[in-house]
């Protein structure tokens, strides 16, 4: 009986941890940037980047952006959508998004 209780506890713990990971997946910052294909509309390469300002990596996020576009001006010139930081340092350039839903 004791073995069954331990097995149930372990299985329950694994299920709970799996659910937590599915909701809040861990992001490994060292894996970024990485290729994300080519934008069919512009023919420009895309990359997936990791960005975090404060509590990293727990509160970081990833974006799909145009590769080698490093300023708001360059971004707007190709028809992209600048991704800028918010609080606590608003307005810093993160990357140039496609302006399309990439999910």
Protein backbone atom coordinates (compact mmCIF):
# COMPACT_ATOMS: atom_id res chain seq x y z
CA UNK A 1 0.00 0.00 0.00
CA UNK A 2 2.86 2.38 0.84
CA UNK A 3 4.39 1.86 -2.63
CA UNK A 4 1.08 2.70 -4.31
CA UNK A 5 0.77 5.96 -2.34
CA UNK A 6 4.33 6.95 -3.23
CA UNK A 7 3.71 6.13 -6.91
CA UNK A 8 0.52 8.22 -6.92
CA UNK A 9 2.36 11.15 -5.31
CA UNK A 10 5.18 10.95 -7.87
CA UNK A 11 2.78 10.71 -10.82
CA UNK A 12 0.74 13.63 -9.47
CA UNK A 13 3.90 15.73 -9.05
CA UNK A 14 5.02 14.98 -12.61
CA UNK A 15 1.59 15.93 -13.98
CA UNK A 16 1.55 19.19 -12.02
CA UNK A 17 5.10 20.11 -13.11
CA UNK A 18 4.24 19.30 -16.73
CA UNK A 19 1.18 21.55 -16.56
CA UNK A 20 3.21 24.39 -15.07
CA UNK A 21 5.85 24.03 -17.80
CA UNK A 22 3.13 24.03 -20.48
CA UNK A 23 1.75 27.30 -19.10
CA UNK A 24 5.10 28.93 -18.25
CA UNK A 25 7.77 27.25 -20.37
CA UNK A 26 11.39 27.86 -19.42
CA UNK A 27 13.26 29.82 -22.07
CA UNK A 28 16.98 29.13 -22.44
CA UNK A 29 18.46 32.53 -23.42
CA UNK A 30 21.63 30.90 -24.76
CA UNK A 31 19.64 29.40 -27.66
CA UNK A 32 18.91 32.84 -29.15
CA UNK A 33 19.04 34.41 -31.65
CA UNK A 34 18.16 31.61 -34.03
CA UNK A 35 16.89 31.48 -37.62
CA UNK A 36 13.12 31.71 -38.15
CA UNK A 37 12.82 31.55 -41.94
CA UNK A 38 12.20 34.12 -44.64
CA UNK A 39 9.34 36.63 -44.79
CA UNK A 40 7.49 35.79 -48.02
CA UNK A 41 6.27 39.36 -48.44
CA UNK A 42 9.68 41.04 -48.27
CA UNK A 43 12.14 38.19 -48.93
CA UNK A 44 14.10 39.25 -45.83
CA UNK A 45 15.45 36.74 -43.29
CA UNK A 46 13.74 36.44 -39.92
CA UNK A 47 15.18 35.40 -36.60
CA UNK A 48 13.75 34.53 -33.22
CA UNK A 49 15.31 36.63 -30.46
CA UNK A 50 15.11 36.51 -26.68
CA UNK A 51 14.59 39.74 -24.76
CA UNK A 52 14.56 40.40 -21.04
CA UNK A 53 14.97 43.63 -19.07
CA UNK A 54 14.65 42.71 -15.44
CA UNK A 55 14.07 39.26 -13.94
CA UNK A 56 15.74 36.96 -16.44
CA UNK A 57 15.01 34.42 -17.76
CA UNK A 58 11.78 33.99 -15.78
CA UNK A 59 10.13 37.09 -17.26
CA UNK A 60 11.84 37.24 -20.62
CA UNK A 61 10.10 36.67 -23.92
CA UNK A 62 10.86 35.86 -27.52
CA UNK A 63 10.07 37.79 -30.67
CA UNK A 64 10.28 37.00 -34.38
CA UNK A 65 12.03 39.94 -36.03
CA UNK A 66 13.82 40.85 -39.23
CA UNK A 67 17.49 39.95 -39.01
CA UNK A 68 20.04 42.79 -39.12
CA UNK A 69 17.44 45.58 -38.86
CA UNK A 70 18.78 47.61 -35.94
CA UNK A 71 16.94 50.92 -35.85
CA UNK A 72 13.38 52.19 -35.96
CA UNK A 73 14.18 54.06 -39.19
CA UNK A 74 15.46 50.92 -40.96
CA UNK A 75 12.42 49.03 -39.73
CA UNK A 76 9.92 51.56 -40.98
CA UNK A 77 11.75 51.81 -44.33
CA UNK A 78 11.07 48.11 -45.04
CA UNK A 79 7.48 48.29 -43.80
CA UNK A 80 8.17 46.55 -40.50
CA UNK A 81 6.75 47.32 -37.08
CA UNK A 82 9.29 48.50 -34.48
CA UNK A 83 9.18 46.61 -31.19
CA UNK A 84 10.07 48.97 -28.35
CA UNK A 85 10.55 48.49 -24.63
CA UNK A 86 8.00 49.59 -22.10
CA UNK A 87 8.43 50.32 -18.40
CA UNK A 88 10.97 50.87 -16.78
CA UNK A 89 12.91 52.15 -19.82
CA UNK A 90 10.32 52.98 -22.48
CA UNK A 91 11.16 53.46 -26.11
CA UNK A 92 14.35 51.40 -26.53
CA UNK A 93 14.49 49.48 -29.82
CA UNK A 94 14.26 45.67 -29.40
CA UNK A 95 13.74 44.58 -32.98
CA UNK A 96 11.72 44.97 -36.14
CA UNK A 97 8.59 42.83 -36.24
CA UNK A 98 6.79 41.86 -39.39
CA UNK A 99 3.51 43.34 -38.22
CA UNK A 100 1.88 39.97 -38.92
CA UNK A 101 0.74 37.36 -36.42
CA UNK A 102 3.56 34.81 -36.37
CA UNK A 103 1.97 32.20 -34.09
